[in-house]
Amino acid sequence: MQKILRSYDRLIYGLACLAGISLAIVTVLVIYDVISRNLGLRPFRAISAIVEYVLLFSTMAAAPWLVRINGHVSVSSILGLMPRAVQGLVSRLSLVLGAGATGLLGVVAARLAIAQARAGNVDVRAVSLPAWILFAFLAVGFFLMATELLRMLLRGETYTGAEGDH
């Protein structure tokens, strides 16, 4: 079991690293695009499409890690106004609802990915990709976010939205 948990942790951190690297690459591509246009050169046609794909990937790849470190936005000021006893209950309820919502979104995205794969649909832009890949990014990201929220619930942690504050 420890080996599985360590592999899962590596997956979460690895995806976060890939998200960061992909955003760095996008930054370089956008800079190249702007400079080449200003110098009267012809930039790569595919830069716009690549940036769009990478933004979707990096968002879904980093999201589970952000849940893990309490990095997503949370309205903790409302929670702070509640009595201490109610805060714990509302925090737990938020984790359950968040896990349910992200799990449901993961199921919907997975079903859409399967439907796109069966239909053989292609997302046609300057770069063409099988359409199922886009929904697969969403499905994996949402399922991993649900897993992280459930993990917090099982550990007795609360979600505050204040990075590193458990």
N, C-alpha and C. Protein backbone atom coordinates (compact mmCIF):
# COMPACT_ATOMS: atom_id res chain seq x y z
N MET A 1 0.81 -1.19 0.00
CA MET A 1 0.00 0.00 0.00
C MET A 1 0.86 1.26 0.00
N GLN A 2 1.94 1.23 0.76
CA GLN A 2 2.85 2.38 0.81
C GLN A 2 3.43 2.68 -0.57
N LYS A 3 3.71 1.64 -1.33
CA LYS A 3 4.27 1.81 -2.66
C LYS A 3 3.26 2.51 -3.58
N ILE A 4 2.00 2.13 -3.45
CA ILE A 4 0.94 2.75 -4.26
C ILE A 4 0.80 4.22 -3.89
N LEU A 5 0.80 4.51 -2.58
CA LEU A 5 0.68 5.89 -2.13
C LEU A 5 1.86 6.75 -2.58
N ARG A 6 3.06 6.19 -2.52
CA ARG A 6 4.24 6.93 -3.00
C ARG A 6 4.15 7.18 -4.50
N SER A 7 3.67 6.19 -5.25
CA SER A 7 3.50 6.36 -6.70
C SER A 7 2.45 7.44 -6.98
N TYR A 8 1.38 7.43 -6.23
CA TYR A 8 0.34 8.43 -6.39
C TYR A 8 0.89 9.83 -6.08
N ASP A 9 1.65 9.95 -4.99
CA ASP A 9 2.27 11.23 -4.66
C ASP A 9 3.19 11.71 -5.77
N ARG A 10 3.97 10.80 -6.32
CA ARG A 10 4.86 11.16 -7.43
C ARG A 10 4.05 11.61 -8.64
N LEU A 11 2.91 10.97 -8.89
CA LEU A 11 2.04 11.36 -10.00
C LEU A 11 1.56 12.80 -9.81
N ILE A 12 1.08 13.13 -8.62
CA ILE A 12 0.57 14.47 -8.34
C ILE A 12 1.68 15.51 -8.51
N TYR A 13 2.84 15.26 -7.94
CA TYR A 13 3.94 16.21 -8.06
C TYR A 13 4.50 16.24 -9.49
N GLY A 14 4.54 15.10 -10.14
CA GLY A 14 5.01 15.05 -11.52
C GLY A 14 4.12 15.85 -12.45
N LEU A 15 2.81 15.72 -12.28
CA LEU A 15 1.88 16.49 -13.11
C LEU A 15 2.04 17.98 -12.84
N ALA A 16 2.24 18.36 -11.59
CA ALA A 16 2.44 19.77 -11.26
C ALA A 16 3.71 20.30 -11.93
N CYS A 17 4.75 19.49 -11.91
CA CYS A 17 6.01 19.89 -12.57
C CYS A 17 5.81 20.02 -14.08
N LEU A 18 5.12 19.05 -14.67
CA LEU A 18 4.83 19.13 -16.11
C LEU A 18 4.01 20.36 -16.45
N ALA A 19 3.07 20.71 -15.58
CA ALA A 19 2.27 21.92 -15.79
C ALA A 19 3.17 23.15 -15.80
N GLY A 20 4.07 23.23 -14.85
CA GLY A 20 4.99 24.36 -14.79
C GLY A 20 5.90 24.44 -15.99
N ILE A 21 6.44 23.30 -16.40
CA ILE A 21 7.31 23.26 -17.58
C ILE A 21 6.53 23.66 -18.83
N SER A 22 5.31 23.15 -18.95
CA SER A 22 4.51 23.47 -20.14
C SER A 22 4.18 24.96 -20.18
N LEU A 23 3.93 25.58 -19.03
CA LEU A 23 3.68 27.02 -19.01
C LEU A 23 4.93 27.81 -19.36
N ALA A 24 6.09 27.32 -18.96
CA ALA A 24 7.34 27.98 -19.35
C ALA A 24 7.53 27.91 -20.87
N ILE A 25 7.21 26.76 -21.45
CA ILE A 25 7.32 26.60 -22.90
C ILE A 25 6.34 27.54 -23.61
N VAL A 26 5.12 27.63 -23.09
CA VAL A 26 4.13 28.54 -23.67
C VAL A 26 4.64 29.98 -23.62
N THR A 27 5.24 30.36 -22.51
CA THR A 27 5.79 31.71 -22.38
C THR A 27 6.81 31.98 -23.46
N VAL A 28 7.71 31.04 -23.68
CA VAL A 28 8.73 31.19 -24.72
C VAL A 28 8.08 31.28 -26.10
N LEU A 29 7.08 30.44 -26.35
CA LEU A 29 6.40 30.46 -27.65
C LEU A 29 5.69 31.80 -27.89
N VAL A 30 5.04 32.33 -26.88
CA VAL A 30 4.34 33.61 -27.03
C VAL A 30 5.35 34.74 -27.26
N ILE A 31 6.44 34.73 -26.53
CA ILE A 31 7.48 35.74 -26.73
C ILE A 31 8.03 35.66 -28.15
N TYR A 32 8.32 34.43 -28.59
CA TYR A 32 8.81 34.25 -29.96
C TYR A 32 7.78 34.77 -30.97
N ASP A 33 6.52 34.47 -30.75
CA ASP A 33 5.46 34.90 -31.66
C ASP A 33 5.40 36.42 -31.75
N VAL A 34 5.44 37.10 -30.62
CA VAL A 34 5.37 38.56 -30.60
C VAL A 34 6.61 39.17 -31.26
N ILE A 35 7.78 38.68 -30.92
CA ILE A 35 9.01 39.22 -31.49
C ILE A 35 9.06 38.99 -33.00
N SER A 36 8.72 37.79 -33.42
CA SER A 36 8.78 37.50 -34.86
C SER A 36 7.79 38.36 -35.64
N ARG A 37 6.60 38.59 -35.09
CA ARG A 37 5.63 39.46 -35.77
C ARG A 37 6.15 40.89 -35.85
N ASN A 38 6.75 41.38 -34.77
CA ASN A 38 7.27 42.75 -34.75
C ASN A 38 8.48 42.93 -35.65
N LEU A 39 9.20 41.86 -35.91
CA LEU A 39 10.35 41.94 -36.82
C LEU A 39 9.96 41.65 -38.26
N GLY A 40 8.68 41.43 -38.48
CA GLY A 40 8.21 41.18 -39.84
C GLY A 40 8.46 39.75 -40.32
N LEU A 41 8.80 38.87 -39.39
CA LEU A 41 9.02 37.46 -39.73
C LEU A 41 7.70 36.71 -39.67
N ARG A 42 7.68 35.57 -40.24
CA ARG A 42 6.47 34.74 -40.20
C ARG A 42 6.58 33.76 -39.02
N PRO A 43 5.75 33.94 -38.00
CA PRO A 43 5.80 33.01 -36.85
C PRO A 43 5.16 31.67 -37.24
N PHE A 44 5.35 30.68 -36.39
CA PHE A 44 4.73 29.37 -36.62
C PHE A 44 3.21 29.54 -36.56
N ARG A 45 2.52 28.97 -37.50
CA ARG A 45 1.06 29.04 -37.51
C ARG A 45 0.43 28.34 -36.31
N ALA A 46 1.09 27.34 -35.82
CA ALA A 46 0.50 26.48 -34.80
C ALA A 46 0.63 27.01 -33.38
N ILE A 47 1.32 28.13 -33.19
CA ILE A 47 1.56 28.60 -31.82
C ILE A 47 0.25 28.83 -31.07
N SER A 48 -0.70 29.46 -31.68
CA SER A 48 -1.97 29.74 -31.02
C SER A 48 -2.67 28.46 -30.56
N ALA A 49 -2.75 27.49 -31.43
CA ALA A 49 -3.39 26.22 -31.08
C ALA A 49 -2.63 25.50 -29.98
N ILE A 50 -1.31 25.49 -30.09
CA ILE A 50 -0.49 24.83 -29.07
C ILE A 50 -0.71 25.50 -27.71
N VAL A 51 -0.74 26.81 -27.68
CA VAL A 51 -0.97 27.54 -26.43
C VAL A 51 -2.32 27.15 -25.84
N GLU A 52 -3.34 27.07 -26.65
CA GLU A 52 -4.68 26.69 -26.16
C GLU A 52 -4.67 25.29 -25.56
N TYR A 53 -4.05 24.34 -26.25
CA TYR A 53 -3.98 22.97 -25.74
C TYR A 53 -3.19 22.91 -24.43
N VAL A 54 -2.06 23.62 -24.41
CA VAL A 54 -1.21 23.58 -23.22
C VAL A 54 -1.89 24.24 -22.02
N LEU A 55 -2.66 25.29 -22.26
CA LEU A 55 -3.37 25.93 -21.14
C LEU A 55 -4.38 24.97 -20.51
N LEU A 56 -5.08 24.21 -21.34
CA LEU A 56 -6.00 23.21 -20.80
C LEU A 56 -5.24 22.13 -20.03
N PHE A 57 -4.17 21.61 -20.64
CA PHE A 57 -3.38 20.57 -19.98
C PHE A 57 -2.80 21.06 -18.66
N SER A 58 -2.16 22.23 -18.69
CA SER A 58 -1.48 22.70 -17.47
C SER A 58 -2.47 22.99 -16.35
N THR A 59 -3.64 23.49 -16.70
CA THR A 59 -4.66 23.75 -15.68
C THR A 59 -5.07 22.45 -14.99
N MET A 60 -5.36 21.44 -15.78
CA MET A 60 -5.82 20.18 -15.20
C MET A 60 -4.69 19.39 -14.54
N ALA A 61 -3.47 19.58 -15.01
CA ALA A 61 -2.34 18.87 -14.41
C ALA A 61 -1.96 19.47 -13.05
N ALA A 62 -2.08 20.78 -12.91
CA ALA A 62 -1.68 21.43 -11.66
C ALA A 62 -2.80 21.43 -10.62
N ALA A 63 -4.04 21.32 -11.04
CA ALA A 63 -5.18 21.45 -10.13
C ALA A 63 -5.14 20.48 -8.94
N PRO A 64 -4.84 19.18 -9.13
CA PRO A 64 -4.81 18.28 -7.96
C PRO A 64 -3.74 18.69 -6.93
N TRP A 65 -2.60 19.12 -7.41
CA TRP A 65 -1.55 19.57 -6.51
C TRP A 65 -1.99 20.83 -5.75
N LEU A 66 -2.70 21.73 -6.45
CA LEU A 66 -3.20 22.92 -5.77
C LEU A 66 -4.21 22.57 -4.68
N VAL A 67 -5.04 21.56 -4.94
CA VAL A 67 -5.95 21.10 -3.89
C VAL A 67 -5.13 20.59 -2.70
N ARG A 68 -4.11 19.82 -3.00
CA ARG A 68 -3.29 19.23 -1.94
C ARG A 68 -2.67 20.28 -1.04
N ILE A 69 -2.19 21.37 -1.62
CA ILE A 69 -1.51 22.40 -0.81
C ILE A 69 -2.45 23.52 -0.37
N ASN A 70 -3.76 23.32 -0.55
CA ASN A 70 -4.73 24.34 -0.18
C ASN A 70 -4.53 25.61 -1.01
N GLY A 71 -4.20 25.45 -2.26
CA GLY A 71 -3.88 26.59 -3.11
C GLY A 71 -5.02 27.15 -3.91
N HIS A 72 -6.16 26.46 -3.96
CA HIS A 72 -7.31 26.98 -4.69
C HIS A 72 -8.00 28.05 -3.86
N VAL A 73 -8.74 28.88 -4.53
CA VAL A 73 -9.46 29.96 -3.85
C VAL A 73 -10.54 29.39 -2.95
N SER A 74 -10.65 29.95 -1.77
CA SER A 74 -11.67 29.56 -0.82
C SER A 74 -12.15 30.81 -0.11
N VAL A 75 -13.41 30.84 0.23
CA VAL A 75 -13.94 32.00 0.95
C VAL A 75 -13.84 31.71 2.44
N SER A 76 -12.66 31.84 2.97
CA SER A 76 -12.42 31.52 4.37
C SER A 76 -12.96 32.60 5.31
N SER A 77 -13.19 33.80 4.80
CA SER A 77 -13.70 34.86 5.67
C SER A 77 -15.11 34.52 6.17
N ILE A 78 -15.91 33.89 5.32
CA ILE A 78 -17.25 33.48 5.75
C ILE A 78 -17.15 32.39 6.81
N LEU A 79 -16.25 31.44 6.58
CA LEU A 79 -16.04 30.36 7.54
C LEU A 79 -15.58 30.93 8.88
N GLY A 80 -14.75 31.96 8.84
CA GLY A 80 -14.24 32.56 10.06
C GLY A 80 -15.31 33.24 10.91
N LEU A 81 -16.41 33.62 10.29
CA LEU A 81 -17.51 34.26 11.02
C LEU A 81 -18.40 33.25 11.75
N MET A 82 -18.26 31.99 11.41
CA MET A 82 -19.11 30.95 12.00
C MET A 82 -18.55 30.50 13.35
N PRO A 83 -19.41 29.99 14.21
CA PRO A 83 -18.93 29.42 15.47
C PRO A 83 -17.97 28.25 15.19
N ARG A 84 -17.03 28.04 16.06
CA ARG A 84 -15.98 27.02 15.89
C ARG A 84 -16.58 25.65 15.59
N ALA A 85 -17.64 25.28 16.28
CA ALA A 85 -18.27 23.96 16.09
C ALA A 85 -18.85 23.82 14.69
N VAL A 86 -19.39 24.89 14.16
CA VAL A 86 -20.00 24.87 12.83
C VAL A 86 -18.92 24.86 11.75
N GLN A 87 -17.80 25.50 12.01
CA GLN A 87 -16.72 25.58 11.03
C GLN A 87 -16.27 24.19 10.57
N GLY A 88 -16.09 23.29 11.52
CA GLY A 88 -15.66 21.93 11.18
C GLY A 88 -16.68 21.22 10.32
N LEU A 89 -17.93 21.36 10.66
CA LEU A 89 -19.00 20.72 9.90
C LEU A 89 -19.08 21.28 8.48
N VAL A 90 -19.00 22.60 8.37
CA VAL A 90 -19.07 23.23 7.05
C VAL A 90 -17.84 22.86 6.22
N SER A 91 -16.68 22.78 6.85
CA SER A 91 -15.46 22.37 6.14
C SER A 91 -15.59 20.95 5.59
N ARG A 92 -16.09 20.05 6.41
CA ARG A 92 -16.29 18.67 5.97
C ARG A 92 -17.31 18.60 4.84
N LEU A 93 -18.40 19.33 5.00
CA LEU A 93 -19.43 19.36 3.97
C LEU A 93 -18.86 19.91 2.66
N SER A 94 -18.03 20.93 2.75
CA SER A 94 -17.39 21.51 1.55
C SER A 94 -16.51 20.48 0.86
N LEU A 95 -15.78 19.70 1.64
CA LEU A 95 -14.93 18.66 1.05
C LEU A 95 -15.78 17.60 0.35
N VAL A 96 -16.87 17.19 0.99
CA VAL A 96 -17.76 16.18 0.40
C VAL A 96 -18.38 16.71 -0.89
N LEU A 97 -18.90 17.93 -0.84
CA LEU A 97 -19.52 18.51 -2.03
C LEU A 97 -18.49 18.73 -3.13
N GLY A 98 -17.31 19.20 -2.77
CA GLY A 98 -16.25 19.40 -3.77
C GLY A 98 -15.82 18.10 -4.41
N ALA A 99 -15.66 17.06 -3.60
CA ALA A 99 -15.28 15.75 -4.14
C ALA A 99 -16.38 15.21 -5.05
N GLY A 100 -17.64 15.38 -4.62
CA GLY A 100 -18.75 14.92 -5.44
C GLY A 100 -18.84 15.65 -6.76
N ALA A 101 -18.67 16.98 -6.71
CA ALA A 101 -18.76 17.78 -7.94
C ALA A 101 -17.62 17.47 -8.89
N THR A 102 -16.39 17.39 -8.37
CA THR A 102 -15.27 17.11 -9.26
C THR A 102 -15.32 15.66 -9.76
N GLY A 103 -15.79 14.75 -8.93
CA GLY A 103 -15.97 13.38 -9.39
C GLY A 103 -17.00 13.28 -10.50
N LEU A 104 -18.10 14.00 -10.34
CA LEU A 104 -19.14 14.02 -11.38
C LEU A 104 -18.61 14.63 -12.67
N LEU A 105 -17.89 15.73 -12.55
CA LEU A 105 -17.30 16.34 -13.74
C LEU A 105 -16.31 15.39 -14.41
N GLY A 106 -15.57 14.64 -13.60
CA GLY A 106 -14.66 13.64 -14.16
C GLY A 106 -15.39 12.56 -14.94
N VAL A 107 -16.51 12.10 -14.40
CA VAL A 107 -17.32 11.09 -15.09
C VAL A 107 -17.85 11.63 -16.41
N VAL A 108 -18.39 12.84 -16.37
CA VAL A 108 -18.92 13.45 -17.60
C VAL A 108 -17.81 13.60 -18.64
N ALA A 109 -16.66 14.12 -18.21
CA ALA A 109 -15.54 14.30 -19.15
C ALA A 109 -15.06 12.96 -19.70
N ALA A 110 -15.01 11.93 -18.86
CA ALA A 110 -14.58 10.60 -19.33
C ALA A 110 -15.57 10.05 -20.35
N ARG A 111 -16.86 10.22 -20.08
CA ARG A 111 -17.88 9.75 -21.03
C ARG A 111 -17.77 10.50 -22.36
N LEU A 112 -17.50 11.80 -22.29
CA LEU A 112 -17.32 12.57 -23.52
C LEU A 112 -16.06 12.14 -24.26
N ALA A 113 -15.00 11.84 -23.53
CA ALA A 113 -13.77 11.36 -24.17
C ALA A 113 -14.02 10.05 -24.89
N ILE A 114 -14.73 9.15 -24.25
CA ILE A 114 -15.04 7.85 -24.87
C ILE A 114 -15.91 8.06 -26.12
N ALA A 115 -16.90 8.93 -26.01
CA ALA A 115 -17.77 9.20 -27.17
C ALA A 115 -16.97 9.81 -28.33
N GLN A 116 -16.08 10.72 -28.00
CA GLN A 116 -15.25 11.34 -29.04
C GLN A 116 -14.32 10.32 -29.69
N ALA A 117 -13.76 9.43 -28.88
CA ALA A 117 -12.87 8.40 -29.41
C ALA A 117 -13.63 7.44 -30.32
N ARG A 118 -14.81 7.01 -29.88
CA ARG A 118 -15.62 6.10 -30.69
C ARG A 118 -16.03 6.73 -32.02
N ALA A 119 -16.34 8.03 -31.98
CA ALA A 119 -16.76 8.72 -33.20
C ALA A 119 -15.57 9.07 -34.09
N GLY A 120 -14.37 8.98 -33.53
CA GLY A 120 -13.17 9.30 -34.30
C GLY A 120 -13.05 10.79 -34.59
N ASN A 121 -13.65 11.62 -33.73
CA ASN A 121 -13.62 13.07 -33.95
C ASN A 121 -12.22 13.64 -33.75
N VAL A 122 -11.94 14.68 -34.52
CA VAL A 122 -10.64 15.35 -34.47
C VAL A 122 -10.89 16.83 -34.22
N ASP A 123 -10.11 17.42 -33.31
CA ASP A 123 -10.16 18.85 -33.07
C ASP A 123 -9.22 19.48 -34.09
N VAL A 124 -9.80 20.17 -35.07
CA VAL A 124 -9.02 20.70 -36.18
C VAL A 124 -8.71 22.17 -35.95
N ARG A 125 -7.45 22.46 -35.83
CA ARG A 125 -6.93 23.82 -35.73
C ARG A 125 -5.66 23.81 -36.56
N ALA A 126 -4.72 24.68 -36.26
CA ALA A 126 -3.44 24.64 -36.96
C ALA A 126 -2.72 23.32 -36.66
N VAL A 127 -3.03 22.76 -35.50
CA VAL A 127 -2.55 21.43 -35.11
C VAL A 127 -3.80 20.61 -34.84
N SER A 128 -3.91 19.47 -35.44
CA SER A 128 -5.09 18.63 -35.24
C SER A 128 -4.78 17.53 -34.24
N LEU A 129 -5.67 17.38 -33.27
CA LEU A 129 -5.54 16.33 -32.25
C LEU A 129 -6.84 15.54 -32.21
N PRO A 130 -6.74 14.27 -31.85
CA PRO A 130 -7.99 13.53 -31.60
C PRO A 130 -8.75 14.25 -30.49
N ALA A 131 -10.03 14.49 -30.69
CA ALA A 131 -10.83 15.27 -29.75
C ALA A 131 -10.91 14.65 -28.36
N TRP A 132 -10.77 13.33 -28.27
CA TRP A 132 -10.89 12.67 -26.97
C TRP A 132 -9.79 13.10 -26.01
N ILE A 133 -8.64 13.51 -26.53
CA ILE A 133 -7.51 13.89 -25.67
C ILE A 133 -7.89 15.09 -24.80
N LEU A 134 -8.61 16.03 -25.37
CA LEU A 134 -9.00 17.22 -24.61
C LEU A 134 -9.90 16.85 -23.44
N PHE A 135 -10.84 15.94 -23.68
CA PHE A 135 -11.73 15.52 -22.60
C PHE A 135 -11.00 14.61 -21.61
N ALA A 136 -10.00 13.89 -22.07
CA ALA A 136 -9.21 13.04 -21.17
C ALA A 136 -8.43 13.91 -20.18
N PHE A 137 -7.88 15.05 -20.66
CA PHE A 137 -7.21 15.99 -19.74
C PHE A 137 -8.17 16.38 -18.62
N LEU A 138 -9.39 16.73 -19.01
CA LEU A 138 -10.39 17.15 -18.02
C LEU A 138 -10.73 16.01 -17.06
N ALA A 139 -10.96 14.82 -17.61
CA ALA A 139 -11.36 13.68 -16.77
C ALA A 139 -10.28 13.37 -15.74
N VAL A 140 -9.05 13.27 -16.17
CA VAL A 140 -7.95 12.94 -15.24
C VAL A 140 -7.82 14.02 -14.17
N GLY A 141 -7.83 15.27 -14.58
CA GLY A 141 -7.70 16.36 -13.62
C GLY A 141 -8.82 16.37 -12.59
N PHE A 142 -10.06 16.22 -13.06
CA PHE A 142 -11.19 16.23 -12.13
C PHE A 142 -11.18 15.02 -11.20
N PHE A 143 -10.85 13.84 -11.73
CA PHE A 143 -10.79 12.65 -10.87
C PHE A 143 -9.70 12.79 -9.81
N LEU A 144 -8.55 13.34 -10.19
CA LEU A 144 -7.47 13.52 -9.21
C LEU A 144 -7.82 14.58 -8.18
N MET A 145 -8.54 15.63 -8.60
CA MET A 145 -8.99 16.63 -7.61
C MET A 145 -9.96 15.99 -6.62
N ALA A 146 -10.89 15.17 -7.12
CA ALA A 146 -11.83 14.48 -6.23
C ALA A 146 -11.07 13.59 -5.26
N THR A 147 -10.07 12.89 -5.76
CA THR A 147 -9.26 12.02 -4.90
C THR A 147 -8.56 12.83 -3.81
N GLU A 148 -8.01 13.97 -4.18
CA GLU A 148 -7.33 14.81 -3.19
C GLU A 148 -8.29 15.34 -2.14
N LEU A 149 -9.49 15.73 -2.55
CA LEU A 149 -10.49 16.21 -1.59
C LEU A 149 -10.92 15.09 -0.65
N LEU A 150 -11.13 13.90 -1.19
CA LEU A 150 -11.49 12.75 -0.34
C LEU A 150 -10.34 12.40 0.61
N ARG A 151 -9.15 12.50 0.13
CA ARG A 151 -7.96 12.23 0.95
C ARG A 151 -7.92 13.19 2.14
N MET A 152 -8.19 14.46 1.86
CA MET A 152 -8.22 15.45 2.95
C MET A 152 -9.31 15.10 3.96
N LEU A 153 -10.47 14.71 3.46
CA LEU A 153 -11.59 14.36 4.32
C LEU A 153 -11.23 13.18 5.22
N LEU A 154 -10.63 12.14 4.64
CA LEU A 154 -10.26 10.95 5.40
C LEU A 154 -9.17 11.23 6.43
N ARG A 155 -8.32 12.20 6.16
CA ARG A 155 -7.25 12.56 7.09
C ARG A 155 -7.72 13.52 8.18
N GLY A 156 -8.96 13.99 8.05
CA GLY A 156 -9.48 14.93 9.03
C GLY A 156 -8.99 16.35 8.81
N GLU A 157 -8.51 16.65 7.61
CA GLU A 157 -8.03 17.99 7.31
C GLU A 157 -9.19 18.86 6.85
N THR A 158 -8.98 20.16 6.87
CA THR A 158 -9.98 21.08 6.35
C THR A 158 -9.40 21.80 5.16
N TYR A 159 -10.29 22.30 4.33
CA TYR A 159 -9.84 23.07 3.18
C TYR A 159 -10.07 24.55 3.46
N THR A 160 -8.99 25.30 3.52
CA THR A 160 -9.10 26.70 3.86
C THR A 160 -8.80 27.62 2.69
N GLY A 161 -8.10 27.11 1.68
CA GLY A 161 -7.69 27.96 0.58
C GLY A 161 -6.47 28.80 0.93
N ALA A 162 -5.93 28.59 2.13
CA ALA A 162 -4.72 29.30 2.54
C ALA A 162 -3.58 28.33 2.42
N GLU A 163 -2.74 28.52 1.41
CA GLU A 163 -1.70 27.57 1.08
C GLU A 163 -0.92 27.08 2.30
N GLY A 164 -0.86 25.75 2.39
CA GLY A 164 -0.10 25.13 3.46
C GLY A 164 -0.81 25.09 4.80
N ASP A 165 -1.97 25.70 4.92
CA ASP A 165 -2.72 25.74 6.18
C ASP A 165 -3.71 24.59 6.19
N HIS A 166 -3.50 23.63 7.05
CA HIS A 166 -4.39 22.45 7.09
C HIS A 166 -5.19 22.48 8.38
